[in-house]
Amino acid sequence: QSLSPTLGTLPEVTEADVVFLALHGGQGEDGTVQAL
């Protein structure tokens, strides 16, 4: 049920001045979210 594929479209992301990444392991730390 993960929202990861749509993260780049969410207003909480696109309208933020900065995203603070507190994800550990998996897609949060392997560069996937960073590339998005």
PDB file of all heavy atoms in Angstrom:
ATOM      1  N   GLN A   1       0.819  -1.218   0.000  1.00  0.00           N
ATOM      2  CA  GLN A   1       0.000   0.000   0.000  1.00  0.00           C
ATOM      3  C   GLN A   1       0.851   1.266   0.000  1.00  0.00           C
ATOM      4  O   GLN A   1       0.338   2.367   0.197  1.00  0.00           O
ATOM      5  CB  GLN A   1      -0.890   0.011   1.243  1.00  0.00           C
ATOM      6  CG  GLN A   1      -1.742  -1.241   1.413  1.00  0.00           C
ATOM      7  CD  GLN A   1      -2.499  -1.221   2.726  1.00  0.00           C
ATOM      8  OE1 GLN A   1      -3.312  -0.349   2.981  1.00  0.00           O
ATOM      9  NE2 GLN A   1      -2.227  -2.200   3.571  1.00  0.00           N
ATOM     10  N   SER A   2       2.147   1.139  -0.231  1.00  0.00           N
ATOM     11  CA  SER A   2       3.066   2.266  -0.112  1.00  0.00           C
ATOM     12  C   SER A   2       2.734   3.398  -1.085  1.00  0.00           C
ATOM     13  O   SER A   2       2.341   3.169  -2.237  1.00  0.00           O
ATOM     14  CB  SER A   2       4.501   1.791  -0.350  1.00  0.00           C
ATOM     15  OG  SER A   2       5.393   2.880  -0.361  1.00  0.00           O
ATOM     16  N   LEU A   3       2.930   4.612  -0.611  1.00  0.00           N
ATOM     17  CA  LEU A   3       2.730   5.803  -1.438  1.00  0.00           C
ATOM     18  C   LEU A   3       3.995   6.182  -2.213  1.00  0.00           C
ATOM     19  O   LEU A   3       3.984   7.165  -2.960  1.00  0.00           O
ATOM     20  CB  LEU A   3       2.345   6.993  -0.545  1.00  0.00           C
ATOM     21  CG  LEU A   3       1.044   6.878   0.246  1.00  0.00           C
ATOM     22  CD1 LEU A   3       0.930   8.059   1.206  1.00  0.00           C
ATOM     23  CD2 LEU A   3      -0.151   6.846  -0.688  1.00  0.00           C
ATOM     24  N   SER A   4       5.068   5.418  -2.040  1.00  0.00           N
ATOM     25  CA  SER A   4       6.352   5.789  -2.639  1.00  0.00           C
ATOM     26  C   SER A   4       6.273   6.124  -4.126  1.00  0.00           C
ATOM     27  O   SER A   4       6.877   7.100  -4.575  1.00  0.00           O
ATOM     28  CB  SER A   4       7.382   4.676  -2.404  1.00  0.00           C
ATOM     29  OG  SER A   4       7.684   4.567  -1.031  1.00  0.00           O
ATOM     30  N   PRO A   5       5.531   5.348  -4.956  1.00  0.00           N
ATOM     31  CA  PRO A   5       5.491   5.681  -6.384  1.00  0.00           C
ATOM     32  C   PRO A   5       4.888   7.051  -6.686  1.00  0.00           C
ATOM     33  O   PRO A   5       5.129   7.619  -7.753  1.00  0.00           O
ATOM     34  CB  PRO A   5       4.624   4.556  -6.975  1.00  0.00           C
ATOM     35  CG  PRO A   5       4.728   3.429  -6.001  1.00  0.00           C
ATOM     36  CD  PRO A   5       4.811   4.087  -4.666  1.00  0.00           C
ATOM     37  N   THR A   6       4.091   7.592  -5.766  1.00  0.00           N
ATOM     38  CA  THR A   6       3.420   8.872  -6.017  1.00  0.00           C
ATOM     39  C   THR A   6       3.995  10.017  -5.185  1.00  0.00           C
ATOM     40  O   THR A   6       3.442  11.123  -5.197  1.00  0.00           O
ATOM     41  CB  THR A   6       1.911   8.741  -5.713  1.00  0.00           C
ATOM     42  OG1 THR A   6       1.727   8.431  -4.319  1.00  0.00           O
ATOM     43  CG2 THR A   6       1.274   7.657  -6.562  1.00  0.00           C
ATOM     44  N   LEU A   7       5.097   9.789  -4.481  1.00  0.00           N
ATOM     45  CA  LEU A   7       5.639  10.812  -3.589  1.00  0.00           C
ATOM     46  C   LEU A   7       5.878  12.131  -4.316  1.00  0.00           C
ATOM     47  O   LEU A   7       5.626  13.211  -3.783  1.00  0.00           O
ATOM     48  CB  LEU A   7       6.956  10.338  -2.961  1.00  0.00           C
ATOM     49  CG  LEU A   7       6.869   9.444  -1.726  1.00  0.00           C
ATOM     50  CD1 LEU A   7       8.260   9.078  -1.250  1.00  0.00           C
ATOM     51  CD2 LEU A   7       6.100  10.136  -0.605  1.00  0.00           C
ATOM     52  N   GLY A   8       6.375  12.037  -5.539  1.00  0.00           N
ATOM     53  CA  GLY A   8       6.717  13.233  -6.290  1.00  0.00           C
ATOM     54  C   GLY A   8       5.530  14.072  -6.707  1.00  0.00           C
ATOM     55  O   GLY A   8       5.706  15.188  -7.222  1.00  0.00           O
ATOM     56  N   THR A   9       4.319  13.576  -6.491  1.00  0.00           N
ATOM     57  CA  THR A   9       3.115  14.333  -6.867  1.00  0.00           C
ATOM     58  C   THR A   9       2.372  14.889  -5.658  1.00  0.00           C
ATOM     59  O   THR A   9       1.436  15.666  -5.821  1.00  0.00           O
ATOM     60  CB  THR A   9       2.138  13.438  -7.661  1.00  0.00           C
ATOM     61  OG1 THR A   9       1.636  12.404  -6.792  1.00  0.00           O
ATOM     62  CG2 THR A   9       2.832  12.792  -8.849  1.00  0.00           C
ATOM     63  N   LEU A  10       2.776  14.501  -4.467  1.00  0.00           N
ATOM     64  CA  LEU A  10       2.055  14.911  -3.260  1.00  0.00           C
ATOM     65  C   LEU A  10       2.382  16.360  -2.912  1.00  0.00           C
ATOM     66  O   LEU A  10       3.557  16.762  -2.907  1.00  0.00           O
ATOM     67  CB  LEU A  10       2.426  14.008  -2.082  1.00  0.00           C
ATOM     68  CG  LEU A  10       2.114  12.507  -2.249  1.00  0.00           C
ATOM     69  CD1 LEU A  10       2.574  11.743  -1.022  1.00  0.00           C
ATOM     70  CD2 LEU A  10       0.623  12.301  -2.486  1.00  0.00           C
ATOM     71  N   PRO A  11       1.377  17.165  -2.585  1.00  0.00           N
ATOM     72  CA  PRO A  11       1.636  18.573  -2.248  1.00  0.00           C
ATOM     73  C   PRO A  11       2.546  18.740  -1.034  1.00  0.00           C
ATOM     74  O   PRO A  11       3.286  19.723  -0.942  1.00  0.00           O
ATOM     75  CB  PRO A  11       0.238  19.149  -1.987  1.00  0.00           C
ATOM     76  CG  PRO A  11      -0.646  17.963  -1.729  1.00  0.00           C
ATOM     77  CD  PRO A  11      -0.068  16.853  -2.541  1.00  0.00           C
ATOM     78  N   GLU A  12       2.492  17.777  -0.103  1.00  0.00           N
ATOM     79  CA  GLU A  12       3.382  17.852   1.065  1.00  0.00           C
ATOM     80  C   GLU A  12       4.850  17.816   0.644  1.00  0.00           C
ATOM     81  O   GLU A  12       5.725  18.303   1.366  1.00  0.00           O
ATOM     82  CB  GLU A  12       3.102  16.694   2.032  1.00  0.00           C
ATOM     83  CG  GLU A  12       1.779  16.778   2.752  1.00  0.00           C
ATOM     84  CD  GLU A  12       0.612  16.285   1.902  1.00  0.00           C
ATOM     85  OE1 GLU A  12       0.863  15.699   0.818  1.00  0.00           O
ATOM     86  OE2 GLU A  12      -0.545  16.486   2.324  1.00  0.00           O
ATOM     87  N   VAL A  13       5.118  17.221  -0.525  1.00  0.00           N
ATOM     88  CA  VAL A  13       6.478  17.173  -1.060  1.00  0.00           C
ATOM     89  C   VAL A  13       6.735  18.349  -1.998  1.00  0.00           C
ATOM     90  O   VAL A  13       7.698  19.111  -1.838  1.00  0.00           O
ATOM     91  CB  VAL A  13       6.734  15.835  -1.786  1.00  0.00           C
ATOM     92  CG1 VAL A  13       8.069  15.859  -2.537  1.00  0.00           C
ATOM     93  CG2 VAL A  13       6.709  14.689  -0.790  1.00  0.00           C
ATOM     94  N   THR A  14       5.877  18.524  -2.992  1.00  0.00           N
ATOM     95  CA  THR A  14       6.138  19.525  -4.032  1.00  0.00           C
ATOM     96  C   THR A  14       6.071  20.959  -3.511  1.00  0.00           C
ATOM     97  O   THR A  14       6.710  21.859  -4.069  1.00  0.00           O
ATOM     98  CB  THR A  14       5.137  19.370  -5.190  1.00  0.00           C
ATOM     99  OG1 THR A  14       3.798  19.510  -4.694  1.00  0.00           O
ATOM    100  CG2 THR A  14       5.279  17.993  -5.838  1.00  0.00           C
ATOM    101  N   GLU A  15       5.313  21.194  -2.446  1.00  0.00           N
ATOM    102  CA  GLU A  15       5.178  22.552  -1.914  1.00  0.00           C
ATOM    103  C   GLU A  15       6.102  22.827  -0.730  1.00  0.00           C
ATOM    104  O   GLU A  15       6.072  23.916  -0.149  1.00  0.00           O
ATOM    105  CB  GLU A  15       3.722  22.800  -1.507  1.00  0.00           C
ATOM    106  CG  GLU A  15       2.752  22.740  -2.689  1.00  0.00           C
ATOM    107  CD  GLU A  15       1.295  22.850  -2.262  1.00  0.00           C
ATOM    108  OE1 GLU A  15       1.047  23.191  -1.085  1.00  0.00           O
ATOM    109  OE2 GLU A  15       0.408  22.588  -3.107  1.00  0.00           O
ATOM    110  N   ALA A  16       6.929  21.869  -0.365  1.00  0.00           N
ATOM    111  CA  ALA A  16       7.853  22.045   0.753  1.00  0.00           C
ATOM    112  C   ALA A  16       9.071  22.865   0.321  1.00  0.00           C
ATOM    113  O   ALA A  16       9.523  22.780  -0.821  1.00  0.00           O
ATOM    114  CB  ALA A  16       8.312  20.689   1.284  1.00  0.00           C
ATOM    115  N   ASP A  17       9.599  23.656   1.246  1.00  0.00           N
ATOM    116  CA  ASP A  17      10.865  24.349   0.994  1.00  0.00           C
ATOM    117  C   ASP A  17      12.016  23.349   1.006  1.00  0.00           C
ATOM    118  O   ASP A  17      13.008  23.511   0.291  1.00  0.00           O
ATOM    119  CB  ASP A  17      11.113  25.417   2.065  1.00  0.00           C
ATOM    120  CG  ASP A  17      10.097  26.550   1.996  1.00  0.00           C
ATOM    121  OD1 ASP A  17       9.654  26.885   0.885  1.00  0.00           O
ATOM    122  OD2 ASP A  17       9.739  27.093   3.062  1.00  0.00           O
ATOM    123  N   VAL A  18      11.877  22.341   1.834  1.00  0.00           N
ATOM    124  CA  VAL A  18      12.898  21.300   1.941  1.00  0.00           C
ATOM    125  C   VAL A  18      12.255  20.047   2.534  1.00  0.00           C
ATOM    126  O   VAL A  18      11.335  20.138   3.348  1.00  0.00           O
ATOM    127  CB  VAL A  18      14.089  21.776   2.818  1.00  0.00           C
ATOM    128  CG1 VAL A  18      13.645  22.066   4.233  1.00  0.00           C
ATOM    129  CG2 VAL A  18      15.219  20.757   2.817  1.00  0.00           C
ATOM    130  N   VAL A  19      12.725  18.897   2.087  1.00  0.00           N
ATOM    131  CA  VAL A  19      12.304  17.622   2.657  1.00  0.00           C
ATOM    132  C   VAL A  19      13.424  17.116   3.561  1.00  0.00           C
ATOM    133  O   VAL A  19      14.574  16.997   3.126  1.00  0.00           O
ATOM    134  CB  VAL A  19      11.993  16.586   1.560  1.00  0.00           C
ATOM    135  CG1 VAL A  19      11.784  15.196   2.172  1.00  0.00           C
ATOM    136  CG2 VAL A  19      10.759  17.003   0.774  1.00  0.00           C
ATOM    137  N   PHE A  20      13.080  16.852   4.815  1.00  0.00           N
ATOM    138  CA  PHE A  20      14.059  16.295   5.751  1.00  0.00           C
ATOM    139  C   PHE A  20      13.901  14.778   5.711  1.00  0.00           C
ATOM    140  O   PHE A  20      12.876  14.238   6.114  1.00  0.00           O
ATOM    141  CB  PHE A  20      13.820  16.818   7.172  1.00  0.00           C
ATOM    142  CG  PHE A  20      15.015  16.695   8.068  1.00  0.00           C
ATOM    143  CD1 PHE A  20      15.580  17.824   8.652  1.00  0.00           C
ATOM    144  CD2 PHE A  20      15.599  15.459   8.325  1.00  0.00           C
ATOM    145  CE1 PHE A  20      16.688  17.730   9.485  1.00  0.00           C
ATOM    146  CE2 PHE A  20      16.718  15.350   9.137  1.00  0.00           C
ATOM    147  CZ  PHE A  20      17.259  16.493   9.717  1.00  0.00           C
ATOM    148  N   LEU A  21      14.909  14.106   5.202  1.00  0.00           N
ATOM    149  CA  LEU A  21      14.854  12.651   5.066  1.00  0.00           C
ATOM    150  C   LEU A  21      15.238  11.985   6.382  1.00  0.00           C
ATOM    151  O   LEU A  21      16.382  12.045   6.812  1.00  0.00           O
ATOM    152  CB  LEU A  21      15.788  12.191   3.949  1.00  0.00           C
ATOM    153  CG  LEU A  21      15.382  12.615   2.537  1.00  0.00           C
ATOM    154  CD1 LEU A  21      16.446  12.196   1.525  1.00  0.00           C
ATOM    155  CD2 LEU A  21      14.034  12.024   2.160  1.00  0.00           C
ATOM    156  N   ALA A  22      14.260  11.351   7.010  1.00  0.00           N
ATOM    157  CA  ALA A  22      14.504  10.593   8.228  1.00  0.00           C
ATOM    158  C   ALA A  22      14.257   9.107   7.982  1.00  0.00           C
ATOM    159  O   ALA A  22      14.057   8.336   8.911  1.00  0.00           O
ATOM    160  CB  ALA A  22      13.609  11.095   9.356  1.00  0.00           C
ATOM    161  N   LEU A  23      14.238   8.723   6.703  1.00  0.00           N
ATOM    162  CA  LEU A  23      14.063   7.314   6.342  1.00  0.00           C
ATOM    163  C   LEU A  23      15.389   6.581   6.522  1.00  0.00           C
ATOM    164  O   LEU A  23      16.446   7.109   6.178  1.00  0.00           O
ATOM    165  CB  LEU A  23      13.595   7.197   4.887  1.00  0.00           C
ATOM    166  CG  LEU A  23      12.226   7.823   4.578  1.00  0.00           C
ATOM    167  CD1 LEU A  23      12.041   7.951   3.070  1.00  0.00           C
ATOM    168  CD2 LEU A  23      11.112   6.994   5.191  1.00  0.00           C
ATOM    169  N   HIS A  24      15.334   5.377   7.045  1.00  0.00           N
ATOM    170  CA  HIS A  24      16.543   4.564   7.222  1.00  0.00           C
ATOM    171  C   HIS A  24      16.375   3.255   6.463  1.00  0.00           C
ATOM    172  O   HIS A  24      15.334   2.596   6.554  1.00  0.00           O
ATOM    173  CB  HIS A  24      16.779   4.255   8.702  1.00  0.00           C
ATOM    174  CG  HIS A  24      16.912   5.476   9.568  1.00  0.00           C
ATOM    175  ND1 HIS A  24      17.681   6.562   9.210  1.00  0.00           N
ATOM    176  CD2 HIS A  24      16.374   5.782  10.778  1.00  0.00           C
ATOM    177  CE1 HIS A  24      17.615   7.480  10.162  1.00  0.00           C
ATOM    178  NE2 HIS A  24      16.823   7.025  11.124  1.00  0.00           N
ATOM    179  N   GLY A  25      17.389   2.875   5.720  1.00  0.00           N
ATOM    180  CA  GLY A  25      17.341   1.624   4.974  1.00  0.00           C
ATOM    181  C   GLY A  25      16.400   1.716   3.777  1.00  0.00           C
ATOM    182  O   GLY A  25      15.711   2.710   3.556  1.00  0.00           O
ATOM    183  N   GLY A  26      16.385   0.666   2.979  1.00  0.00           N
ATOM    184  CA  GLY A  26      15.450   0.555   1.862  1.00  0.00           C
ATOM    185  C   GLY A  26      15.538   1.725   0.895  1.00  0.00           C
ATOM    186  O   GLY A  26      16.596   2.317   0.685  1.00  0.00           O
ATOM    187  N   GLN A  27      14.384   2.077   0.307  1.00  0.00           N
ATOM    188  CA  GLN A  27      14.350   3.126  -0.704  1.00  0.00           C
ATOM    189  C   GLN A  27      14.670   4.502  -0.140  1.00  0.00           C
ATOM    190  O   GLN A  27      15.043   5.401  -0.891  1.00  0.00           O
ATOM    191  CB  GLN A  27      12.971   3.149  -1.368  1.00  0.00           C
ATOM    192  CG  GLN A  27      12.671   1.910  -2.200  1.00  0.00           C
ATOM    193  CD  GLN A  27      11.310   1.979  -2.872  1.00  0.00           C
ATOM    194  OE1 GLN A  27      10.432   2.720  -2.440  1.00  0.00           O
ATOM    195  NE2 GLN A  27      11.141   1.204  -3.930  1.00  0.00           N
ATOM    196  N   GLY A  28      14.545   4.681   1.162  1.00  0.00           N
ATOM    197  CA  GLY A  28      14.847   5.975   1.750  1.00  0.00           C
ATOM    198  C   GLY A  28      16.318   6.281   1.828  1.00  0.00           C
ATOM    199  O   GLY A  28      16.717   7.441   1.898  1.00  0.00           O
ATOM    200  N   GLU A  29      17.141   5.237   1.839  1.00  0.00           N
ATOM    201  CA  GLU A  29      18.575   5.451   2.025  1.00  0.00           C
ATOM    202  C   GLU A  29      19.394   4.960   0.841  1.00  0.00           C
ATOM    203  O   GLU A  29      20.602   5.177   0.803  1.00  0.00           O
ATOM    204  CB  GLU A  29      19.042   4.769   3.318  1.00  0.00           C
ATOM    205  CG  GLU A  29      20.297   5.350   3.904  1.00  0.00           C
ATOM    206  CD  GLU A  29      20.557   4.922   5.341  1.00  0.00           C
ATOM    207  OE1 GLU A  29      19.710   4.227   5.933  1.00  0.00           O
ATOM    208  OE2 GLU A  29      21.602   5.304   5.877  1.00  0.00           O
ATOM    209  N   ASP A  30      18.754   4.306  -0.131  1.00  0.00           N
ATOM    210  CA  ASP A  30      19.526   3.726  -1.234  1.00  0.00           C
ATOM    211  C   ASP A  30      19.591   4.621  -2.465  1.00  0.00           C
ATOM    212  O   ASP A  30      20.047   4.203  -3.519  1.00  0.00           O
ATOM    213  CB  ASP A  30      18.960   2.346  -1.614  1.00  0.00           C
ATOM    214  CG  ASP A  30      17.575   2.411  -2.241  1.00  0.00           C
ATOM    215  OD1 ASP A  30      17.036   3.521  -2.421  1.00  0.00           O
ATOM    216  OD2 ASP A  30      17.025   1.332  -2.558  1.00  0.00           O
ATOM    217  N   GLY A  31      19.117   5.852  -2.348  1.00  0.00           N
ATOM    218  CA  GLY A  31      19.174   6.787  -3.458  1.00  0.00           C
ATOM    219  C   GLY A  31      17.890   6.904  -4.250  1.00  0.00           C
ATOM    220  O   GLY A  31      17.738   7.828  -5.053  1.00  0.00           O
ATOM    221  N   THR A  32      16.937   6.002  -4.043  1.00  0.00           N
ATOM    222  CA  THR A  32      15.695   6.009  -4.819  1.00  0.00           C
ATOM    223  C   THR A  32      14.871   7.264  -4.550  1.00  0.00           C
ATOM    224  O   THR A  32      14.471   7.975  -5.481  1.00  0.00           O
ATOM    225  CB  THR A  32      14.858   4.757  -4.493  1.00  0.00           C
ATOM    226  OG1 THR A  32      15.629   3.584  -4.766  1.00  0.00           O
ATOM    227  CG2 THR A  32      13.595   4.721  -5.338  1.00  0.00           C
ATOM    228  N   VAL A  33      14.609   7.546  -3.281  1.00  0.00           N
ATOM    229  CA  VAL A  33      13.832   8.737  -2.929  1.00  0.00           C
ATOM    230  C   VAL A  33      14.603  10.002  -3.302  1.00  0.00           C
ATOM    231  O   VAL A  33      14.029  10.986  -3.784  1.00  0.00           O
ATOM    232  CB  VAL A  33      13.470   8.729  -1.431  1.00  0.00           C
ATOM    233  CG1 VAL A  33      12.869  10.069  -1.006  1.00  0.00           C
ATOM    234  CG2 VAL A  33      12.493   7.600  -1.137  1.00  0.00           C
ATOM    235  N   GLN A  34      15.924   9.982  -3.122  1.00  0.00           N
ATOM    236  CA  GLN A  34      16.736  11.138  -3.473  1.00  0.00           C
ATOM    237  C   GLN A  34      16.628  11.453  -4.965  1.00  0.00           C
ATOM    238  O   GLN A  34      16.513  12.624  -5.360  1.00  0.00           O
ATOM    239  CB  GLN A  34      18.201  10.879  -3.094  1.00  0.00           C
ATOM    240  CG  GLN A  34      18.472  10.875  -1.599  1.00  0.00           C
ATOM    241  CD  GLN A  34      18.159   9.559  -0.914  1.00  0.00           C
ATOM    242  OE1 GLN A  34      17.584   8.640  -1.499  1.00  0.00           O
ATOM    243  NE2 GLN A  34      18.548   9.448   0.338  1.00  0.00           N
ATOM    244  N   ALA A  35      16.667  10.406  -5.800  1.00  0.00           N
ATOM    245  CA  ALA A  35      16.546  10.618  -7.247  1.00  0.00           C
ATOM    246  C   ALA A  35      15.176  11.187  -7.602  1.00  0.00           C
ATOM    247  O   ALA A  35      15.058  12.073  -8.468  1.00  0.00           O
ATOM    248  CB  ALA A  35      16.785   9.301  -7.989  1.00  0.00           C
ATOM    249  N   LEU A  36      14.132  10.696  -6.947  1.00  0.00           N
ATOM    250  CA  LEU A  36      12.786  11.201  -7.193  1.00  0.00           C
ATOM    251  C   LEU A  36      12.699  12.687  -6.838  1.00  0.00           C
ATOM    252  O   LEU A  36      12.134  13.494  -7.588  1.00  0.00           O
ATOM    253  CB  LEU A  36      11.784  10.392  -6.379  1.00  0.00           C
ATOM    254  CG  LEU A  36      10.292  10.700  -6.545  1.00  0.00           C
ATOM    255  CD1 LEU A  36       9.472   9.451  -6.267  1.00  0.00           C
ATOM    256  CD2 LEU A  36       9.835  11.818  -5.608  1.00  0.00           C
TER     257      LEU A  36
END
